[in-house]
PDB file of all heavy atoms in Angstrom:
ATOM      1  N   ASN A   1     -12.234  -8.975   2.487  1.00  0.00           N
ATOM      2  CA  ASN A   1     -13.277 -10.002   2.439  1.00  0.00           C
ATOM      3  C   ASN A   1     -12.756 -11.361   2.888  1.00  0.00           C
ATOM      4  O   ASN A   1     -13.541 -12.216   3.307  1.00  0.00           O
ATOM      5  CB  ASN A   1     -13.897 -10.083   1.041  1.00  0.00           C
ATOM      6  CG  ASN A   1     -14.815  -8.912   0.758  1.00  0.00           C
ATOM      7  OD1 ASN A   1     -15.461  -8.380   1.653  1.00  0.00           O
ATOM      8  ND2 ASN A   1     -14.866  -8.491  -0.495  1.00  0.00           N
ATOM      9  N   ALA A   2     -11.418 -11.553   2.827  1.00  0.00           N
ATOM     10  CA  ALA A   2     -10.807 -12.795   3.304  1.00  0.00           C
ATOM     11  C   ALA A   2     -10.478 -12.728   4.801  1.00  0.00           C
ATOM     12  O   ALA A   2      -9.901 -13.658   5.350  1.00  0.00           O
ATOM     13  CB  ALA A   2      -9.541 -13.093   2.500  1.00  0.00           C
ATOM     14  N   GLY A   3     -10.827 -11.606   5.451  1.00  0.00           N
ATOM     15  CA  GLY A   3     -10.652 -11.525   6.893  1.00  0.00           C
ATOM     16  C   GLY A   3      -9.599 -10.552   7.396  1.00  0.00           C
ATOM     17  O   GLY A   3      -9.414 -10.417   8.604  1.00  0.00           O
ATOM     18  N   GLU A   4      -8.898  -9.855   6.518  1.00  0.00           N
ATOM     19  CA  GLU A   4      -7.883  -8.891   6.960  1.00  0.00           C
ATOM     20  C   GLU A   4      -8.537  -7.546   7.290  1.00  0.00           C
ATOM     21  O   GLU A   4      -8.286  -6.531   6.650  1.00  0.00           O
ATOM     22  CB  GLU A   4      -6.799  -8.713   5.887  1.00  0.00           C
ATOM     23  CG  GLU A   4      -5.863  -9.883   5.770  1.00  0.00           C
ATOM     24  CD  GLU A   4      -4.703  -9.593   4.827  1.00  0.00           C
ATOM     25  OE1 GLU A   4      -3.912  -8.666   5.099  1.00  0.00           O
ATOM     26  OE2 GLU A   4      -4.615 -10.309   3.804  1.00  0.00           O
ATOM     27  N   HIS A   5      -9.359  -7.551   8.315  1.00  0.00           N
ATOM     28  CA  HIS A   5     -10.119  -6.359   8.696  1.00  0.00           C
ATOM     29  C   HIS A   5      -9.234  -5.252   9.253  1.00  0.00           C
ATOM     30  O   HIS A   5      -9.611  -4.077   9.236  1.00  0.00           O
ATOM     31  CB  HIS A   5     -11.214  -6.730   9.697  1.00  0.00           C
ATOM     32  CG  HIS A   5     -12.113  -7.827   9.213  1.00  0.00           C
ATOM     33  ND1 HIS A   5     -12.898  -7.699   8.089  1.00  0.00           N
ATOM     34  CD2 HIS A   5     -12.322  -9.077   9.687  1.00  0.00           C
ATOM     35  CE1 HIS A   5     -13.567  -8.827   7.894  1.00  0.00           C
ATOM     36  NE2 HIS A   5     -13.229  -9.676   8.841  1.00  0.00           N
ATOM     37  N   GLY A   6      -8.052  -5.609   9.741  1.00  0.00           N
ATOM     38  CA  GLY A   6      -7.127  -4.620  10.278  1.00  0.00           C
ATOM     39  C   GLY A   6      -6.613  -3.631   9.241  1.00  0.00           C
ATOM     40  O   GLY A   6      -6.107  -2.559   9.597  1.00  0.00           O
ATOM     41  N   LEU A   7      -6.754  -3.956   7.962  1.00  0.00           N
ATOM     42  CA  LEU A   7      -6.358  -3.020   6.901  1.00  0.00           C
ATOM     43  C   LEU A   7      -7.181  -1.734   6.943  1.00  0.00           C
ATOM     44  O   LEU A   7      -6.780  -0.721   6.378  1.00  0.00           O
ATOM     45  CB  LEU A   7      -6.505  -3.671   5.518  1.00  0.00           C
ATOM     46  CG  LEU A   7      -5.476  -4.735   5.145  1.00  0.00           C
ATOM     47  CD1 LEU A   7      -5.889  -5.435   3.853  1.00  0.00           C
ATOM     48  CD2 LEU A   7      -4.096  -4.129   5.011  1.00  0.00           C
ATOM     49  N   ALA A   8      -8.321  -1.772   7.631  1.00  0.00           N
ATOM     50  CA  ALA A   8      -9.194  -0.591   7.710  1.00  0.00           C
ATOM     51  C   ALA A   8      -8.624   0.490   8.622  1.00  0.00           C
ATOM     52  O   ALA A   8      -9.078   1.634   8.583  1.00  0.00           O
ATOM     53  CB  ALA A   8     -10.585  -0.997   8.202  1.00  0.00           C
ATOM     54  N   VAL A   9      -7.639   0.148   9.430  1.00  0.00           N
ATOM     55  CA  VAL A   9      -7.051   1.101  10.379  1.00  0.00           C
ATOM     56  C   VAL A   9      -5.718   1.593   9.813  1.00  0.00           C
ATOM     57  O   VAL A   9      -4.881   0.792   9.411  1.00  0.00           O
ATOM     58  CB  VAL A   9      -6.857   0.440  11.763  1.00  0.00           C
ATOM     59  CG1 VAL A   9      -6.176   1.378  12.729  1.00  0.00           C
ATOM     60  CG2 VAL A   9      -8.204  -0.017  12.316  1.00  0.00           C
ATOM     61  N   HIS A  10      -5.542   2.912   9.779  1.00  0.00           N
ATOM     62  CA  HIS A  10      -4.327   3.508   9.203  1.00  0.00           C
ATOM     63  C   HIS A  10      -3.712   4.497  10.189  1.00  0.00           C
ATOM     64  O   HIS A  10      -4.435   5.321  10.767  1.00  0.00           O
ATOM     65  CB  HIS A  10      -4.669   4.213   7.884  1.00  0.00           C
ATOM     66  CG  HIS A  10      -3.479   4.474   7.029  1.00  0.00           C
ATOM     67  ND1 HIS A  10      -2.594   5.498   7.287  1.00  0.00           N
ATOM     68  CD2 HIS A  10      -3.012   3.832   5.932  1.00  0.00           C
ATOM     69  CE1 HIS A  10      -1.645   5.483   6.375  1.00  0.00           C
ATOM     70  NE2 HIS A  10      -1.873   4.474   5.544  1.00  0.00           N
ATOM     71  N   PRO A  11      -2.389   4.459  10.372  1.00  0.00           N
ATOM     72  CA  PRO A  11      -1.747   5.341  11.354  1.00  0.00           C
ATOM     73  C   PRO A  11      -1.835   6.827  11.027  1.00  0.00           C
ATOM     74  O   PRO A  11      -1.748   7.658  11.924  1.00  0.00           O
ATOM     75  CB  PRO A  11      -0.293   4.870  11.372  1.00  0.00           C
ATOM     76  CG  PRO A  11      -0.089   4.157  10.077  1.00  0.00           C
ATOM     77  CD  PRO A  11      -1.435   3.573   9.721  1.00  0.00           C
ATOM     78  N   ASN A  12      -2.036   7.175   9.773  1.00  0.00           N
ATOM     79  CA  ASN A  12      -2.100   8.589   9.393  1.00  0.00           C
ATOM     80  C   ASN A  12      -3.520   9.086   9.160  1.00  0.00           C
ATOM     81  O   ASN A  12      -3.722  10.059   8.441  1.00  0.00           O
ATOM     82  CB  ASN A  12      -1.241   8.844   8.149  1.00  0.00           C
ATOM     83  CG  ASN A  12       0.220   8.641   8.435  1.00  0.00           C
ATOM     84  OD1 ASN A  12       0.691   8.934   9.534  1.00  0.00           O
ATOM     85  ND2 ASN A  12       0.957   8.121   7.466  1.00  0.00           N
ATOM     86  N   CYS A  13      -4.479   8.445   9.774  1.00  0.00           N
ATOM     87  CA  CYS A  13      -5.881   8.837   9.624  1.00  0.00           C
ATOM     88  C   CYS A  13      -6.161  10.123  10.388  1.00  0.00           C
ATOM     89  O   CYS A  13      -5.606  10.366  11.464  1.00  0.00           O
ATOM     90  CB  CYS A  13      -6.769   7.719  10.152  1.00  0.00           C
ATOM     91  SG  CYS A  13      -8.533   8.089  10.105  1.00  0.00           S
ATOM     92  N   GLY A  14      -7.050  10.914   9.857  1.00  0.00           N
ATOM     93  CA  GLY A  14      -7.473  12.135  10.527  1.00  0.00           C
ATOM     94  C   GLY A  14      -8.069  11.876  11.899  1.00  0.00           C
ATOM     95  O   GLY A  14      -7.984  12.729  12.794  1.00  0.00           O
ATOM     96  N   THR A  15      -8.659  10.707  12.108  1.00  0.00           N
ATOM     97  CA  THR A  15      -9.190  10.352  13.429  1.00  0.00           C
ATOM     98  C   THR A  15      -8.082  10.439  14.477  1.00  0.00           C
ATOM     99  O   THR A  15      -8.298  10.947  15.580  1.00  0.00           O
ATOM    100  CB  THR A  15      -9.791   8.930  13.413  1.00  0.00           C
ATOM    101  OG1 THR A  15     -10.842   8.876  12.445  1.00  0.00           O
ATOM    102  CG2 THR A  15     -10.324   8.528  14.777  1.00  0.00           C
ATOM    103  N   ASN A  16      -6.900   9.959  14.128  1.00  0.00           N
ATOM    104  CA  ASN A  16      -5.762  10.015  15.063  1.00  0.00           C
ATOM    105  C   ASN A  16      -5.371  11.453  15.350  1.00  0.00           C
ATOM    106  O   ASN A  16      -5.085  11.811  16.498  1.00  0.00           O
ATOM    107  CB  ASN A  16      -4.554   9.280  14.489  1.00  0.00           C
ATOM    108  CG  ASN A  16      -4.803   7.808  14.318  1.00  0.00           C
ATOM    109  OD1 ASN A  16      -5.792   7.270  14.785  1.00  0.00           O
ATOM    110  ND2 ASN A  16      -3.905   7.135  13.632  1.00  0.00           N
ATOM    111  N   PHE A  17      -5.322  12.277  14.317  1.00  0.00           N
ATOM    112  CA  PHE A  17      -4.912  13.675  14.487  1.00  0.00           C
ATOM    113  C   PHE A  17      -5.935  14.448  15.322  1.00  0.00           C
ATOM    114  O   PHE A  17      -5.568  15.237  16.194  1.00  0.00           O
ATOM    115  CB  PHE A  17      -4.692  14.352  13.133  1.00  0.00           C
ATOM    116  CG  PHE A  17      -3.666  13.655  12.274  1.00  0.00           C
ATOM    117  CD1 PHE A  17      -3.875  13.485  10.919  1.00  0.00           C
ATOM    118  CD2 PHE A  17      -2.496  13.149  12.824  1.00  0.00           C
ATOM    119  CE1 PHE A  17      -2.934  12.844  10.122  1.00  0.00           C
ATOM    120  CE2 PHE A  17      -1.551  12.504  12.038  1.00  0.00           C
ATOM    121  CZ  PHE A  17      -1.766  12.343  10.685  1.00  0.00           C
ATOM    122  N   VAL A  18      -7.211  14.229  15.059  1.00  0.00           N
ATOM    123  CA  VAL A  18      -8.263  14.910  15.819  1.00  0.00           C
ATOM    124  C   VAL A  18      -8.224  14.457  17.279  1.00  0.00           C
ATOM    125  O   VAL A  18      -8.326  15.283  18.198  1.00  0.00           O
ATOM    126  CB  VAL A  18      -9.654  14.658  15.190  1.00  0.00           C
ATOM    127  CG1 VAL A  18     -10.771  15.123  16.109  1.00  0.00           C
ATOM    128  CG2 VAL A  18      -9.749  15.358  13.842  1.00  0.00           C
ATOM    129  N   THR A  19      -8.061  13.160  17.500  1.00  0.00           N
ATOM    130  CA  THR A  19      -7.975  12.644  18.870  1.00  0.00           C
ATOM    131  C   THR A  19      -6.803  13.285  19.609  1.00  0.00           C
ATOM    132  O   THR A  19      -6.943  13.739  20.750  1.00  0.00           O
ATOM    133  CB  THR A  19      -7.827  11.107  18.857  1.00  0.00           C
ATOM    134  OG1 THR A  19      -8.940  10.544  18.168  1.00  0.00           O
ATOM    135  CG2 THR A  19      -7.750  10.537  20.262  1.00  0.00           C
ATOM    136  N   SER A  20      -5.656  13.348  18.950  1.00  0.00           N
ATOM    137  CA  SER A  20      -4.468  13.967  19.559  1.00  0.00           C
ATOM    138  C   SER A  20      -4.707  15.433  19.870  1.00  0.00           C
ATOM    139  O   SER A  20      -4.374  15.913  20.961  1.00  0.00           O
ATOM    140  CB  SER A  20      -3.261  13.835  18.624  1.00  0.00           C
ATOM    141  OG  SER A  20      -2.921  12.485  18.439  1.00  0.00           O
ATOM    142  N   GLY A  21      -5.279  16.157  18.927  1.00  0.00           N
ATOM    143  CA  GLY A  21      -5.532  17.584  19.120  1.00  0.00           C
ATOM    144  C   GLY A  21      -6.496  17.859  20.256  1.00  0.00           C
ATOM    145  O   GLY A  21      -6.259  18.750  21.082  1.00  0.00           O
ATOM    146  N   ILE A  22      -7.574  17.083  20.313  1.00  0.00           N
ATOM    147  CA  ILE A  22      -8.564  17.288  21.377  1.00  0.00           C
ATOM    148  C   ILE A  22      -7.964  16.986  22.747  1.00  0.00           C
ATOM    149  O   ILE A  22      -8.112  17.765  23.685  1.00  0.00           O
ATOM    150  CB  ILE A  22      -9.834  16.439  21.119  1.00  0.00           C
ATOM    151  CG1 ILE A  22     -10.620  17.022  19.941  1.00  0.00           C
ATOM    152  CG2 ILE A  22     -10.699  16.356  22.376  1.00  0.00           C
ATOM    153  CD1 ILE A  22     -11.774  16.159  19.484  1.00  0.00           C
ATOM    154  N   LEU A  23      -7.270  15.853  22.857  1.00  0.00           N
ATOM    155  CA  LEU A  23      -6.706  15.490  24.160  1.00  0.00           C
ATOM    156  C   LEU A  23      -5.604  16.457  24.597  1.00  0.00           C
ATOM    157  O   LEU A  23      -5.548  16.842  25.775  1.00  0.00           O
ATOM    158  CB  LEU A  23      -6.187  14.056  24.141  1.00  0.00           C
ATOM    159  CG  LEU A  23      -7.256  12.955  24.070  1.00  0.00           C
ATOM    160  CD1 LEU A  23      -6.607  11.574  24.102  1.00  0.00           C
ATOM    161  CD2 LEU A  23      -8.273  13.094  25.185  1.00  0.00           C
ATOM    162  N   ALA A  24      -4.738  16.864  23.677  1.00  0.00           N
ATOM    163  CA  ALA A  24      -3.666  17.808  24.036  1.00  0.00           C
ATOM    164  C   ALA A  24      -4.254  19.168  24.403  1.00  0.00           C
ATOM    165  O   ALA A  24      -3.812  19.801  25.377  1.00  0.00           O
ATOM    166  CB  ALA A  24      -2.672  17.945  22.889  1.00  0.00           C
ATOM    167  N   GLY A  25      -5.247  19.620  23.655  1.00  0.00           N
ATOM    168  CA  GLY A  25      -5.895  20.892  23.967  1.00  0.00           C
ATOM    169  C   GLY A  25      -6.599  20.851  25.318  1.00  0.00           C
ATOM    170  O   GLY A  25      -6.496  21.796  26.107  1.00  0.00           O
ATOM    171  N   LEU A  26      -7.283  19.754  25.589  1.00  0.00           N
ATOM    172  CA  LEU A  26      -7.960  19.590  26.872  1.00  0.00           C
ATOM    173  C   LEU A  26      -6.955  19.559  28.025  1.00  0.00           C
ATOM    174  O   LEU A  26      -7.172  20.165  29.073  1.00  0.00           O
ATOM    175  CB  LEU A  26      -8.804  18.314  26.853  1.00  0.00           C
ATOM    176  CG  LEU A  26      -9.718  18.060  28.035  1.00  0.00           C
ATOM    177  CD1 LEU A  26     -10.715  19.210  28.213  1.00  0.00           C
ATOM    178  CD2 LEU A  26     -10.471  16.755  27.838  1.00  0.00           C
ATOM    179  N   ALA A  27      -5.834  18.869  27.822  1.00  0.00           N
ATOM    180  CA  ALA A  27      -4.790  18.801  28.859  1.00  0.00           C
ATOM    181  C   ALA A  27      -4.224  20.190  29.141  1.00  0.00           C
ATOM    182  O   ALA A  27      -4.033  20.569  30.305  1.00  0.00           O
ATOM    183  CB  ALA A  27      -3.678  17.849  28.423  1.00  0.00           C
ATOM    184  N   ALA A  28      -3.970  20.961  28.101  1.00  0.00           N
ATOM    185  CA  ALA A  28      -3.454  22.324  28.292  1.00  0.00           C
ATOM    186  C   ALA A  28      -4.493  23.194  28.992  1.00  0.00           C
ATOM    187  O   ALA A  28      -4.150  23.989  29.879  1.00  0.00           O
ATOM    188  CB  ALA A  28      -3.055  22.927  26.952  1.00  0.00           C
ATOM    189  N   PHE A  29      -5.743  23.038  28.630  1.00  0.00           N
ATOM    190  CA  PHE A  29      -6.818  23.791  29.273  1.00  0.00           C
ATOM    191  C   PHE A  29      -6.870  23.476  30.768  1.00  0.00           C
ATOM    192  O   PHE A  29      -6.977  24.372  31.604  1.00  0.00           O
ATOM    193  CB  PHE A  29      -8.160  23.469  28.604  1.00  0.00           C
ATOM    194  CG  PHE A  29      -9.337  24.076  29.305  1.00  0.00           C
ATOM    195  CD1 PHE A  29      -9.638  25.417  29.136  1.00  0.00           C
ATOM    196  CD2 PHE A  29     -10.148  23.305  30.130  1.00  0.00           C
ATOM    197  CE1 PHE A  29     -10.731  25.993  29.779  1.00  0.00           C
ATOM    198  CE2 PHE A  29     -11.235  23.864  30.781  1.00  0.00           C
ATOM    199  CZ  PHE A  29     -11.527  25.218  30.601  1.00  0.00           C
ATOM    200  N   ILE A  30      -6.786  22.193  31.090  1.00  0.00           N
ATOM    201  CA  ILE A  30      -6.821  21.780  32.500  1.00  0.00           C
ATOM    202  C   ILE A  30      -5.631  22.375  33.255  1.00  0.00           C
ATOM    203  O   ILE A  30      -5.772  22.865  34.381  1.00  0.00           O
ATOM    204  CB  ILE A  30      -6.854  20.239  32.616  1.00  0.00           C
ATOM    205  CG1 ILE A  30      -8.222  19.727  32.148  1.00  0.00           C
ATOM    206  CG2 ILE A  30      -6.545  19.778  34.036  1.00  0.00           C
ATOM    207  CD1 ILE A  30      -8.288  18.224  31.941  1.00  0.00           C
ATOM    208  N   ALA A  31      -4.452  22.348  32.634  1.00  0.00           N
ATOM    209  CA  ALA A  31      -3.256  22.890  33.290  1.00  0.00           C
ATOM    210  C   ALA A  31      -3.393  24.388  33.556  1.00  0.00           C
ATOM    211  O   ALA A  31      -2.878  24.897  34.554  1.00  0.00           O
ATOM    212  CB  ALA A  31      -2.025  22.620  32.436  1.00  0.00           C
ATOM    213  N   LEU A  32      -4.059  25.090  32.671  1.00  0.00           N
ATOM    214  CA  LEU A  32      -4.183  26.539  32.814  1.00  0.00           C
ATOM    215  C   LEU A  32      -5.438  26.967  33.572  1.00  0.00           C
ATOM    216  O   LEU A  32      -5.591  28.145  33.887  1.00  0.00           O
ATOM    217  CB  LEU A  32      -4.155  27.203  31.441  1.00  0.00           C
ATOM    218  CG  LEU A  32      -2.833  27.059  30.679  1.00  0.00           C
ATOM    219  CD1 LEU A  32      -2.975  27.605  29.269  1.00  0.00           C
ATOM    220  CD2 LEU A  32      -1.707  27.732  31.417  1.00  0.00           C
ATOM    221  N   PHE A  33      -6.308  26.004  33.867  1.00  0.00           N
ATOM    222  CA  PHE A  33      -7.561  26.324  34.559  1.00  0.00           C
ATOM    223  C   PHE A  33      -7.258  26.939  35.923  1.00  0.00           C
ATOM    224  O   PHE A  33      -6.494  26.415  36.714  1.00  0.00           O
ATOM    225  CB  PHE A  33      -8.415  25.063  34.718  1.00  0.00           C
ATOM    226  CG  PHE A  33      -9.781  25.331  35.240  1.00  0.00           C
ATOM    227  CD1 PHE A  33     -10.757  25.859  34.412  1.00  0.00           C
ATOM    228  CD2 PHE A  33     -10.108  25.070  36.562  1.00  0.00           C
ATOM    229  CE1 PHE A  33     -12.026  26.108  34.874  1.00  0.00           C
ATOM    230  CE2 PHE A  33     -11.377  25.318  37.049  1.00  0.00           C
ATOM    231  CZ  PHE A  33     -12.337  25.846  36.200  1.00  0.00           C
ATOM    232  N   GLY A  34      -7.860  28.068  36.187  1.00  0.00           N
ATOM    233  CA  GLY A  34      -7.681  28.732  37.466  1.00  0.00           C
ATOM    234  C   GLY A  34      -6.442  29.599  37.565  1.00  0.00           C
ATOM    235  O   GLY A  34      -6.130  30.133  38.631  1.00  0.00           O
ATOM    236  N   ALA A  35      -5.711  29.745  36.460  1.00  0.00           N
ATOM    237  CA  ALA A  35      -4.481  30.547  36.494  1.00  0.00           C
ATOM    238  C   ALA A  35      -4.781  32.039  36.499  1.00  0.00           C
ATOM    239  O   ALA A  35      -3.889  32.846  36.710  1.00  0.00           O
ATOM    240  CB  ALA A  35      -3.590  30.201  35.299  1.00  0.00           C
ATOM    241  N   GLY A  36      -6.019  32.400  36.267  1.00  0.00           N
ATOM    242  CA  GLY A  36      -6.379  33.813  36.245  1.00  0.00           C
ATOM    243  C   GLY A  36      -5.978  34.476  34.937  1.00  0.00           C
ATOM    244  O   GLY A  36      -5.618  33.826  33.970  1.00  0.00           O
TER     245      GLY A  36
END
């Protein structure tokens, strides 16, 4: 309430883990696309 809004962001949040998982999975999918 005094303005430290950055306290709302945490490095171990599930948002970070989900973002990492989706991007890594998508990257692997792209790498394997068309491999037969």
